[in-house]
Amino acid sequence: MSGGSEADRLLRQFERDGVAACLIMAAAAVAIERGRLDGAIGVLAGGALMGLSYSAIKGGVRVVVSAAAAAGGRAEDARTAGEAADGPGGPA
């Protein structure tokens, strides 16, 4: 298994665990407040805010990683092109 797919698997697990924890805490809030929903709604709203923040951060990281990979590829292409122009023995 490659490192990228392992990281993706761990992120998906983290996301599922976060949703499960939020739902369990919302259910606990309903039980503690004896059927009143205002606490559970607050927990779910906080979970939604956390999910939105997580999604924005995850998207930002993907953009930065993609840009870095593209820049690294361009640098590698330029280096390879320079070596090809110099010939097999290097610069004359």
C-alpha atoms as a PDB file:
ATOM      1  CA  MET A   1       0.000   0.000   0.000  1.00  0.00           C
ATOM      2  CA  SER A   2       1.418   3.391  -0.917  1.00  0.00           C
ATOM      3  CA  GLY A   3       1.789   6.258   1.546  1.00  0.00           C
ATOM      4  CA  GLY A   4      -0.910   8.341  -0.150  1.00  0.00           C
ATOM      5  CA  SER A   5      -3.607   5.714   0.128  1.00  0.00           C
ATOM      6  CA  GLU A   6      -2.650   5.011   3.760  1.00  0.00           C
ATOM      7  CA  ALA A   7      -2.982   8.717   4.576  1.00  0.00           C
ATOM      8  CA  ASP A   8      -6.345   8.830   2.788  1.00  0.00           C
ATOM      9  CA  ARG A   9      -7.538   5.783   4.737  1.00  0.00           C
ATOM     10  CA  LEU A  10      -6.521   7.396   8.032  1.00  0.00           C
ATOM     11  CA  LEU A  11      -8.228  10.671   7.111  1.00  0.00           C
ATOM     12  CA  ARG A  12     -11.465   8.851   6.217  1.00  0.00           C
ATOM     13  CA  GLN A  13     -11.291   7.020   9.553  1.00  0.00           C
ATOM     14  CA  PHE A  14     -10.728  10.335  11.366  1.00  0.00           C
ATOM     15  CA  GLU A  15     -13.735  11.845   9.574  1.00  0.00           C
ATOM     16  CA  ARG A  16     -15.981   8.872  10.445  1.00  0.00           C
ATOM     17  CA  ASP A  17     -14.844   8.937  14.070  1.00  0.00           C
ATOM     18  CA  GLY A  18     -15.598  12.658  14.285  1.00  0.00           C
ATOM     19  CA  VAL A  19     -19.118  12.218  12.929  1.00  0.00           C
ATOM     20  CA  ALA A  20     -19.759   9.259  15.247  1.00  0.00           C
ATOM     21  CA  ALA A  21     -18.494  11.191  18.282  1.00  0.00           C
ATOM     22  CA  CYS A  22     -20.696  14.167  17.421  1.00  0.00           C
ATOM     23  CA  LEU A  23     -23.791  11.971  17.069  1.00  0.00           C
ATOM     24  CA  ILE A  24     -23.065  10.139  20.321  1.00  0.00           C
ATOM     25  CA  MET A  25     -22.590  13.422  22.179  1.00  0.00           C
ATOM     26  CA  ALA A  26     -25.836  14.782  20.708  1.00  0.00           C
ATOM     27  CA  ALA A  27     -27.674  11.661  21.887  1.00  0.00           C
ATOM     28  CA  ALA A  28     -26.085  12.053  25.322  1.00  0.00           C
ATOM     29  CA  ALA A  29     -27.227  15.675  25.436  1.00  0.00           C
ATOM     30  CA  VAL A  30     -30.819  14.598  24.745  1.00  0.00           C
ATOM     31  CA  ALA A  31     -30.587  11.947  27.484  1.00  0.00           C
ATOM     32  CA  ILE A  32     -29.037  14.326  30.022  1.00  0.00           C
ATOM     33  CA  GLU A  33     -31.641  16.999  29.336  1.00  0.00           C
ATOM     34  CA  ARG A  34     -34.488  14.445  29.498  1.00  0.00           C
ATOM     35  CA  GLY A  35     -35.724  14.836  25.944  1.00  0.00           C
ATOM     36  CA  ARG A  36     -35.059  18.525  25.379  1.00  0.00           C
ATOM     37  CA  LEU A  37     -33.380  19.132  22.036  1.00  0.00           C
ATOM     38  CA  ASP A  38     -31.661  22.481  22.547  1.00  0.00           C
ATOM     39  CA  GLY A  39     -28.429  20.923  23.879  1.00  0.00           C
ATOM     40  CA  ALA A  40     -28.332  18.351  21.102  1.00  0.00           C
ATOM     41  CA  ILE A  41     -28.919  21.049  18.488  1.00  0.00           C
ATOM     42  CA  GLY A  42     -25.999  22.992  19.952  1.00  0.00           C
ATOM     43  CA  VAL A  43     -23.768  19.901  19.774  1.00  0.00           C
ATOM     44  CA  LEU A  44     -24.784  19.236  16.153  1.00  0.00           C
ATOM     45  CA  ALA A  45     -24.249  22.897  15.206  1.00  0.00           C
ATOM     46  CA  GLY A  46     -20.773  22.756  16.755  1.00  0.00           C
ATOM     47  CA  GLY A  47     -20.082  19.554  14.849  1.00  0.00           C
ATOM     48  CA  ALA A  48     -21.208  21.191  11.609  1.00  0.00           C
ATOM     49  CA  LEU A  49     -18.902  24.155  12.269  1.00  0.00           C
ATOM     50  CA  MET A  50     -16.035  21.766  12.992  1.00  0.00           C
ATOM     51  CA  GLY A  51     -16.773  19.856   9.784  1.00  0.00           C
ATOM     52  CA  LEU A  52     -16.820  23.049   7.743  1.00  0.00           C
ATOM     53  CA  SER A  53     -13.495  24.162   9.214  1.00  0.00           C
ATOM     54  CA  TYR A  54     -11.965  20.734   8.649  1.00  0.00           C
ATOM     55  CA  SER A  55     -13.153  20.717   5.042  1.00  0.00           C
ATOM     56  CA  ALA A  56     -11.675  24.169   4.385  1.00  0.00           C
ATOM     57  CA  ILE A  57      -8.321  23.230   5.925  1.00  0.00           C
ATOM     58  CA  LYS A  58      -8.228  19.921   4.027  1.00  0.00           C
ATOM     59  CA  GLY A  59      -8.975  21.728   0.749  1.00  0.00           C
ATOM     60  CA  GLY A  60      -6.279  24.317   1.415  1.00  0.00           C
ATOM     61  CA  VAL A  61      -3.701  21.639   2.151  1.00  0.00           C
ATOM     62  CA  ARG A  62      -4.596  19.812  -1.074  1.00  0.00           C
ATOM     63  CA  VAL A  63      -4.111  23.027  -3.087  1.00  0.00           C
ATOM     64  CA  VAL A  64      -0.718  23.694  -1.505  1.00  0.00           C
ATOM     65  CA  VAL A  65       0.441  20.094  -2.005  1.00  0.00           C
ATOM     66  CA  SER A  66      -0.722  20.124  -5.646  1.00  0.00           C
ATOM     67  CA  ALA A  67       1.057  23.429  -6.296  1.00  0.00           C
ATOM     68  CA  ALA A  68       4.240  22.143  -4.666  1.00  0.00           C
ATOM     69  CA  ALA A  69       4.104  18.941  -6.716  1.00  0.00           C
ATOM     70  CA  ALA A  70       3.567  20.917  -9.919  1.00  0.00           C
ATOM     71  CA  ALA A  71       6.450  23.260  -9.084  1.00  0.00           C
ATOM     72  CA  GLY A  72       8.662  20.286  -8.271  1.00  0.00           C
ATOM     73  CA  GLY A  73       7.766  18.696 -11.604  1.00  0.00           C
ATOM     74  CA  ARG A  74       8.614  21.884 -13.498  1.00  0.00           C
ATOM     75  CA  ALA A  75      11.952  22.129 -11.679  1.00  0.00           C
ATOM     76  CA  GLU A  76      12.715  18.498 -12.522  1.00  0.00           C
ATOM     77  CA  ASP A  77      11.782  19.090 -16.187  1.00  0.00           C
ATOM     78  CA  ALA A  78      14.067  22.133 -16.355  1.00  0.00           C
ATOM     79  CA  ARG A  79      16.938  20.228 -14.744  1.00  0.00           C
ATOM     80  CA  THR A  80      16.469  17.293 -17.117  1.00  0.00           C
ATOM     81  CA  ALA A  81      16.294  19.616 -20.131  1.00  0.00           C
ATOM     82  CA  GLY A  82      19.514  21.326 -19.015  1.00  0.00           C
ATOM     83  CA  GLU A  83      21.314  18.010 -18.707  1.00  0.00           C
ATOM     84  CA  ALA A  84      20.093  16.953 -22.165  1.00  0.00           C
ATOM     85  CA  ALA A  85      21.367  20.230 -23.714  1.00  0.00           C
ATOM     86  CA  ASP A  86      24.786  19.779 -22.067  1.00  0.00           C
ATOM     87  CA  GLY A  87      25.201  16.323 -23.553  1.00  0.00           C
ATOM     88  CA  PRO A  88      26.324  13.116 -21.926  1.00  0.00           C
ATOM     89  CA  GLY A  89      29.606  14.485 -20.581  1.00  0.00           C
ATOM     90  CA  GLY A  90      28.118  17.580 -18.930  1.00  0.00           C
ATOM     91  CA  PRO A  91      28.929  21.194 -19.790  1.00  0.00           C
ATOM     92  CA  ALA A  92      31.772  21.745 -22.248  1.00  0.00           C
END
